[in-house]
Amino acid sequence: MLNQQMNTTLHAYIVLPMVLKVFKQDYAFFENEQLIAKIVYLDKLDTVIASVQDDLATVKKTIYNTYHMKVRNLGKQDGFIRYDWQTPDDSGDLLFTPEQLRDLTKDMMRLYLFGFLSRKVTPSNRAWF
């Protein structure tokens, strides 16, 4: 049975790669747009992406080295996206609907953009035009 900390870490392990993917897609969108103020958005996304990458590395290290956990995405079955986890002493499944994963991803993104996981943005030296 997972304790609360292991469960939180496991959820972060599953959701953070999705968060990172969406932020990278947003970055590509803003990078290719002809917006005058796009530099502000790109600077914020640079900071957020670096933060998510750092946290994902920490979560992976915790999953592998502290909990000795193996996690597999078993794909979509009966409308649920299924994940399997194993530790030396225990194992189990996590089931999510696509909507649940979308909501978890949105919630996590908000934390990085506006919440307690947000970091101060360091302005870049990008040209405005």
N, C-alpha and C. Protein backbone atom coordinates (compact mmCIF):
# COMPACT_ATOMS: atom_id res chain seq x y z
N MET A 1 0.85 -1.19 0.00
CA MET A 1 0.00 0.00 0.00
C MET A 1 0.89 1.24 0.00
N LEU A 2 0.54 2.19 -0.83
CA LEU A 2 1.31 3.43 -0.92
C LEU A 2 0.97 4.36 0.24
N ASN A 3 2.00 4.95 0.85
CA ASN A 3 1.72 6.01 1.82
C ASN A 3 1.47 7.31 1.06
N GLN A 4 1.07 8.35 1.76
CA GLN A 4 0.69 9.61 1.11
C GLN A 4 1.84 10.21 0.30
N GLN A 5 3.05 10.19 0.86
CA GLN A 5 4.20 10.77 0.17
C GLN A 5 4.52 9.99 -1.11
N MET A 6 4.48 8.66 -1.03
CA MET A 6 4.73 7.85 -2.22
C MET A 6 3.67 8.09 -3.28
N ASN A 7 2.42 8.21 -2.86
CA ASN A 7 1.32 8.45 -3.79
C ASN A 7 1.48 9.80 -4.48
N THR A 8 1.83 10.82 -3.72
CA THR A 8 2.05 12.15 -4.29
C THR A 8 3.21 12.13 -5.29
N THR A 9 4.29 11.45 -4.93
CA THR A 9 5.45 11.36 -5.81
C THR A 9 5.11 10.57 -7.07
N LEU A 10 4.34 9.51 -6.93
CA LEU A 10 3.93 8.71 -8.09
C LEU A 10 3.06 9.53 -9.04
N HIS A 11 2.12 10.29 -8.49
CA HIS A 11 1.28 11.14 -9.33
C HIS A 11 2.14 12.19 -10.06
N ALA A 12 3.11 12.77 -9.36
CA ALA A 12 4.00 13.74 -10.00
C ALA A 12 4.80 13.07 -11.11
N TYR A 13 5.24 11.84 -10.89
CA TYR A 13 5.99 11.09 -11.89
C TYR A 13 5.15 10.89 -13.16
N ILE A 14 3.87 10.68 -12.99
CA ILE A 14 2.98 10.47 -14.13
C ILE A 14 2.61 11.78 -14.81
N VAL A 15 2.34 12.83 -14.03
CA VAL A 15 1.80 14.08 -14.58
C VAL A 15 2.89 15.02 -15.09
N LEU A 16 4.04 15.10 -14.44
CA LEU A 16 5.06 16.07 -14.84
C LEU A 16 5.51 15.94 -16.30
N PRO A 17 5.68 14.74 -16.85
CA PRO A 17 6.03 14.67 -18.28
C PRO A 17 4.97 15.29 -19.18
N MET A 18 3.71 15.17 -18.80
CA MET A 18 2.63 15.79 -19.58
C MET A 18 2.69 17.31 -19.46
N VAL A 19 2.94 17.78 -18.25
CA VAL A 19 3.08 19.22 -18.02
C VAL A 19 4.22 19.77 -18.87
N LEU A 20 5.33 19.09 -18.86
CA LEU A 20 6.50 19.52 -19.63
C LEU A 20 6.18 19.56 -21.13
N LYS A 21 5.48 18.55 -21.61
CA LYS A 21 5.13 18.49 -23.03
C LYS A 21 4.25 19.68 -23.42
N VAL A 22 3.26 20.01 -22.60
CA VAL A 22 2.36 21.12 -22.92
C VAL A 22 3.12 22.44 -22.89
N PHE A 23 3.97 22.64 -21.89
CA PHE A 23 4.74 23.88 -21.83
C PHE A 23 5.68 24.01 -23.04
N LYS A 24 6.26 22.92 -23.48
CA LYS A 24 7.12 22.96 -24.66
C LYS A 24 6.31 23.28 -25.92
N GLN A 25 5.09 22.77 -26.00
CA GLN A 25 4.22 23.11 -27.13
C GLN A 25 3.85 24.59 -27.08
N ASP A 26 3.57 25.10 -25.89
CA ASP A 26 3.27 26.53 -25.74
C ASP A 26 4.47 27.37 -26.16
N TYR A 27 5.65 26.93 -25.77
CA TYR A 27 6.87 27.66 -26.13
C TYR A 27 7.01 27.74 -27.65
N ALA A 28 6.82 26.62 -28.31
CA ALA A 28 6.92 26.59 -29.78
C ALA A 28 5.88 27.51 -30.41
N PHE A 29 4.68 27.54 -29.83
CA PHE A 29 3.64 28.41 -30.35
C PHE A 29 4.06 29.88 -30.25
N PHE A 30 4.48 30.30 -29.05
CA PHE A 30 4.87 31.70 -28.85
C PHE A 30 6.11 32.07 -29.66
N GLU A 31 7.02 31.13 -29.79
CA GLU A 31 8.25 31.39 -30.54
C GLU A 31 7.95 31.69 -32.01
N ASN A 32 6.93 31.07 -32.55
CA ASN A 32 6.59 31.24 -33.96
C ASN A 32 5.55 32.33 -34.22
N GLU A 33 5.00 32.91 -33.17
CA GLU A 33 4.00 33.96 -33.33
C GLU A 33 4.67 35.31 -33.56
N GLN A 34 3.96 36.19 -34.22
CA GLN A 34 4.46 37.54 -34.50
C GLN A 34 3.91 38.51 -33.45
N LEU A 35 4.10 38.20 -32.19
CA LEU A 35 3.65 39.07 -31.11
C LEU A 35 4.79 39.97 -30.67
N ILE A 36 4.48 41.22 -30.43
CA ILE A 36 5.52 42.16 -29.99
C ILE A 36 6.04 41.77 -28.61
N ALA A 37 5.14 41.37 -27.73
CA ALA A 37 5.52 41.08 -26.35
C ALA A 37 5.80 39.59 -26.11
N LYS A 38 6.07 38.84 -27.16
CA LYS A 38 6.27 37.40 -26.98
C LYS A 38 7.48 37.09 -26.11
N ILE A 39 8.43 38.01 -26.03
CA ILE A 39 9.63 37.81 -25.21
C ILE A 39 9.25 37.56 -23.75
N VAL A 40 8.25 38.27 -23.26
CA VAL A 40 7.79 38.11 -21.88
C VAL A 40 7.29 36.68 -21.67
N TYR A 41 6.50 36.18 -22.60
CA TYR A 41 5.96 34.83 -22.49
C TYR A 41 7.07 33.78 -22.62
N LEU A 42 7.99 34.00 -23.53
CA LEU A 42 9.09 33.05 -23.71
C LEU A 42 9.98 33.01 -22.48
N ASP A 43 10.24 34.17 -21.87
CA ASP A 43 11.05 34.20 -20.64
C ASP A 43 10.35 33.43 -19.52
N LYS A 44 9.05 33.63 -19.38
CA LYS A 44 8.29 32.91 -18.36
C LYS A 44 8.33 31.41 -18.64
N LEU A 45 8.12 31.03 -19.88
CA LEU A 45 8.13 29.61 -20.23
C LEU A 45 9.52 29.00 -20.06
N ASP A 46 10.58 29.75 -20.35
CA ASP A 46 11.94 29.26 -20.09
C ASP A 46 12.09 28.89 -18.62
N THR A 47 11.64 29.79 -17.75
CA THR A 47 11.75 29.57 -16.31
C THR A 47 10.91 28.38 -15.87
N VAL A 48 9.69 28.31 -16.36
CA VAL A 48 8.78 27.23 -15.99
C VAL A 48 9.29 25.88 -16.48
N ILE A 49 9.74 25.82 -17.71
CA ILE A 49 10.25 24.56 -18.27
C ILE A 49 11.47 24.08 -17.48
N ALA A 50 12.37 24.98 -17.15
CA ALA A 50 13.54 24.60 -16.35
C ALA A 50 13.12 24.08 -14.99
N SER A 51 12.13 24.71 -14.39
CA SER A 51 11.63 24.29 -13.08
C SER A 51 10.99 22.90 -13.15
N VAL A 52 10.17 22.68 -14.16
CA VAL A 52 9.53 21.37 -14.33
C VAL A 52 10.59 20.29 -14.58
N GLN A 53 11.58 20.59 -15.41
CA GLN A 53 12.64 19.61 -15.68
C GLN A 53 13.41 19.27 -14.41
N ASP A 54 13.71 20.28 -13.59
CA ASP A 54 14.41 20.04 -12.32
C ASP A 54 13.56 19.16 -11.40
N ASP A 55 12.28 19.49 -11.29
CA ASP A 55 11.40 18.73 -10.41
C ASP A 55 11.20 17.30 -10.92
N LEU A 56 11.08 17.15 -12.23
CA LEU A 56 10.93 15.81 -12.79
C LEU A 56 12.16 14.95 -12.52
N ALA A 57 13.33 15.54 -12.63
CA ALA A 57 14.57 14.79 -12.33
C ALA A 57 14.59 14.37 -10.86
N THR A 58 14.15 15.26 -9.98
CA THR A 58 14.10 14.93 -8.55
C THR A 58 13.09 13.83 -8.27
N VAL A 59 11.92 13.93 -8.90
CA VAL A 59 10.88 12.92 -8.72
C VAL A 59 11.35 11.56 -9.23
N LYS A 60 11.98 11.53 -10.39
CA LYS A 60 12.50 10.27 -10.93
C LYS A 60 13.54 9.66 -10.00
N LYS A 61 14.41 10.50 -9.48
CA LYS A 61 15.44 10.02 -8.55
C LYS A 61 14.79 9.42 -7.30
N THR A 62 13.75 10.08 -6.80
CA THR A 62 13.04 9.58 -5.62
C THR A 62 12.34 8.26 -5.93
N ILE A 63 11.67 8.20 -7.07
CA ILE A 63 10.96 6.97 -7.45
C ILE A 63 11.94 5.80 -7.55
N TYR A 64 13.06 6.02 -8.23
CA TYR A 64 14.01 4.92 -8.47
C TYR A 64 14.90 4.62 -7.26
N ASN A 65 15.49 5.65 -6.68
CA ASN A 65 16.50 5.44 -5.64
C ASN A 65 15.93 5.31 -4.23
N THR A 66 14.89 6.06 -3.92
CA THR A 66 14.33 6.01 -2.57
C THR A 66 13.29 4.91 -2.43
N TYR A 67 12.34 4.89 -3.37
CA TYR A 67 11.24 3.91 -3.28
C TYR A 67 11.52 2.63 -4.06
N HIS A 68 12.56 2.62 -4.88
CA HIS A 68 12.89 1.46 -5.71
C HIS A 68 11.65 0.98 -6.48
N MET A 69 10.97 1.96 -7.06
CA MET A 69 9.69 1.71 -7.72
C MET A 69 9.86 1.64 -9.23
N LYS A 70 9.14 0.72 -9.82
CA LYS A 70 9.06 0.60 -11.27
C LYS A 70 7.64 0.99 -11.67
N VAL A 71 7.52 1.90 -12.64
CA VAL A 71 6.21 2.38 -13.08
C VAL A 71 6.09 2.16 -14.58
N ARG A 72 4.95 1.61 -14.99
CA ARG A 72 4.71 1.38 -16.42
C ARG A 72 3.35 1.94 -16.81
N ASN A 73 3.31 2.56 -17.98
CA ASN A 73 2.05 2.97 -18.57
C ASN A 73 1.54 1.79 -19.38
N LEU A 74 0.40 1.25 -18.98
CA LEU A 74 -0.15 0.08 -19.65
C LEU A 74 -1.16 0.46 -20.73
N GLY A 75 -1.32 1.75 -20.97
CA GLY A 75 -2.19 2.21 -22.05
C GLY A 75 -3.63 2.36 -21.61
N LYS A 76 -4.47 2.56 -22.61
CA LYS A 76 -5.88 2.81 -22.37
C LYS A 76 -6.66 1.50 -22.46
N GLN A 77 -7.46 1.24 -21.43
CA GLN A 77 -8.30 0.05 -21.39
C GLN A 77 -9.64 0.42 -20.78
N ASP A 78 -10.72 0.13 -21.48
CA ASP A 78 -12.07 0.39 -20.99
C ASP A 78 -12.28 1.85 -20.58
N GLY A 79 -11.70 2.77 -21.32
CA GLY A 79 -11.88 4.18 -21.04
C GLY A 79 -10.96 4.75 -19.98
N PHE A 80 -10.10 3.93 -19.42
CA PHE A 80 -9.16 4.37 -18.40
C PHE A 80 -7.73 4.24 -18.91
N ILE A 81 -6.89 5.15 -18.47
CA ILE A 81 -5.45 5.04 -18.74
C ILE A 81 -4.86 4.39 -17.49
N ARG A 82 -4.20 3.27 -17.70
CA ARG A 82 -3.77 2.43 -16.58
C ARG A 82 -2.25 2.49 -16.41
N TYR A 83 -1.85 2.66 -15.16
CA TYR A 83 -0.44 2.62 -14.79
C TYR A 83 -0.24 1.52 -13.77
N ASP A 84 0.85 0.82 -13.90
CA ASP A 84 1.22 -0.27 -13.00
C ASP A 84 2.47 0.16 -12.24
N TRP A 85 2.50 -0.04 -10.94
CA TRP A 85 3.70 0.28 -10.16
C TRP A 85 4.10 -0.92 -9.31
N GLN A 86 5.41 -1.03 -9.10
CA GLN A 86 5.93 -2.13 -8.29
C GLN A 86 7.08 -1.62 -7.44
N THR A 87 7.08 -2.03 -6.19
CA THR A 87 8.22 -1.83 -5.30
C THR A 87 8.69 -3.22 -4.90
N PRO A 88 9.81 -3.33 -4.20
CA PRO A 88 10.23 -4.67 -3.78
C PRO A 88 9.21 -5.38 -2.88
N ASP A 89 8.36 -4.59 -2.18
CA ASP A 89 7.43 -5.17 -1.22
C ASP A 89 5.97 -5.13 -1.64
N ASP A 90 5.65 -4.39 -2.68
CA ASP A 90 4.24 -4.16 -2.99
C ASP A 90 4.07 -3.84 -4.47
N SER A 91 2.84 -3.86 -4.93
CA SER A 91 2.53 -3.46 -6.31
C SER A 91 1.08 -3.03 -6.37
N GLY A 92 0.74 -2.36 -7.46
CA GLY A 92 -0.64 -1.92 -7.63
C GLY A 92 -0.86 -1.24 -8.96
N ASP A 93 -2.08 -0.82 -9.17
CA ASP A 93 -2.48 -0.14 -10.39
C ASP A 93 -3.05 1.22 -10.04
N LEU A 94 -2.90 2.15 -10.96
CA LEU A 94 -3.58 3.44 -10.89
C LEU A 94 -4.37 3.59 -12.17
N LEU A 95 -5.62 3.99 -12.05
CA LEU A 95 -6.48 4.19 -13.20
C LEU A 95 -6.90 5.65 -13.25
N PHE A 96 -6.79 6.25 -14.43
CA PHE A 96 -7.21 7.62 -14.64
C PHE A 96 -8.09 7.68 -15.88
N THR A 97 -9.10 8.53 -15.84
CA THR A 97 -9.81 8.84 -17.08
C THR A 97 -8.97 9.90 -17.79
N PRO A 98 -9.14 10.05 -19.10
CA PRO A 98 -8.43 11.13 -19.78
C PRO A 98 -8.74 12.50 -19.17
N GLU A 99 -9.98 12.70 -18.73
CA GLU A 99 -10.36 13.96 -18.11
C GLU A 99 -9.61 14.18 -16.80
N GLN A 100 -9.45 13.13 -16.01
CA GLN A 100 -8.70 13.25 -14.75
C GLN A 100 -7.25 13.64 -15.02
N LEU A 101 -6.63 13.00 -16.00
CA LEU A 101 -5.24 13.35 -16.32
C LEU A 101 -5.14 14.78 -16.85
N ARG A 102 -6.11 15.18 -17.64
CA ARG A 102 -6.13 16.55 -18.16
C ARG A 102 -6.26 17.54 -17.00
N ASP A 103 -7.15 17.25 -16.05
CA ASP A 103 -7.33 18.14 -14.90
C ASP A 103 -6.09 18.18 -14.01
N LEU A 104 -5.48 17.02 -13.78
CA LEU A 104 -4.25 16.98 -12.99
C LEU A 104 -3.14 17.78 -13.67
N THR A 105 -3.06 17.67 -14.98
CA THR A 105 -2.06 18.42 -15.75
C THR A 105 -2.32 19.91 -15.64
N LYS A 106 -3.58 20.33 -15.83
CA LYS A 106 -3.93 21.75 -15.72
C LYS A 106 -3.62 22.29 -14.33
N ASP A 107 -3.98 21.53 -13.30
CA ASP A 107 -3.73 21.97 -11.92
C ASP A 107 -2.24 22.14 -11.66
N MET A 108 -1.46 21.19 -12.13
CA MET A 108 -0.01 21.26 -11.94
C MET A 108 0.58 22.43 -12.71
N MET A 109 0.09 22.67 -13.92
CA MET A 109 0.57 23.81 -14.71
C MET A 109 0.28 25.12 -13.99
N ARG A 110 -0.89 25.24 -13.39
CA ARG A 110 -1.23 26.45 -12.64
C ARG A 110 -0.26 26.68 -11.48
N LEU A 111 0.13 25.60 -10.82
CA LEU A 111 1.08 25.74 -9.71
C LEU A 111 2.42 26.28 -10.19
N TYR A 112 2.85 25.85 -11.37
CA TYR A 112 4.12 26.34 -11.92
C TYR A 112 4.01 27.76 -12.46
N LEU A 113 2.85 28.12 -12.96
CA LEU A 113 2.68 29.47 -13.51
C LEU A 113 2.37 30.51 -12.44
N PHE A 114 1.50 30.15 -11.47
CA PHE A 114 1.01 31.15 -10.53
C PHE A 114 1.11 30.72 -9.07
N GLY A 115 1.32 29.46 -8.80
CA GLY A 115 1.24 28.94 -7.45
C GLY A 115 2.58 28.86 -6.75
N PHE A 116 2.62 28.02 -5.74
CA PHE A 116 3.81 27.94 -4.90
C PHE A 116 5.02 27.33 -5.63
N LEU A 117 4.82 26.74 -6.78
CA LEU A 117 5.95 26.20 -7.55
C LEU A 117 6.51 27.19 -8.56
N SER A 118 5.88 28.37 -8.66
CA SER A 118 6.38 29.36 -9.62
C SER A 118 7.67 29.98 -9.11
N ARG A 119 8.54 30.32 -10.04
CA ARG A 119 9.83 30.94 -9.72
C ARG A 119 9.89 32.33 -10.35
N LYS A 120 10.76 33.13 -9.80
CA LYS A 120 10.97 34.46 -10.35
C LYS A 120 11.59 34.32 -11.75
N VAL A 121 11.06 35.10 -12.68
CA VAL A 121 11.52 35.06 -14.06
C VAL A 121 12.73 35.96 -14.22
N THR A 122 13.76 35.42 -14.82
CA THR A 122 14.94 36.20 -15.16
C THR A 122 14.82 36.64 -16.61
N PRO A 123 14.76 37.96 -16.84
CA PRO A 123 14.62 38.43 -18.23
C PRO A 123 15.83 38.01 -19.08
N SER A 124 15.55 37.68 -20.31
CA SER A 124 16.61 37.28 -21.23
C SER A 124 17.09 38.48 -22.03
N ASN A 125 18.05 38.25 -22.85
CA ASN A 125 18.57 39.30 -23.73
C ASN A 125 18.07 39.12 -25.16
N ARG A 126 16.89 38.51 -25.30
CA ARG A 126 16.32 38.34 -26.63
C ARG A 126 15.99 39.70 -27.24
N ALA A 127 16.12 39.77 -28.54
CA ALA A 127 15.74 41.00 -29.25
C ALA A 127 14.22 41.07 -29.34
N TRP A 128 13.67 42.25 -29.20
CA TRP A 128 12.21 42.43 -29.23
C TRP A 128 11.66 42.32 -30.64
N PHE A 129 12.47 42.55 -31.64
CA PHE A 129 11.96 42.51 -33.01
C PHE A 129 12.80 41.60 -33.86
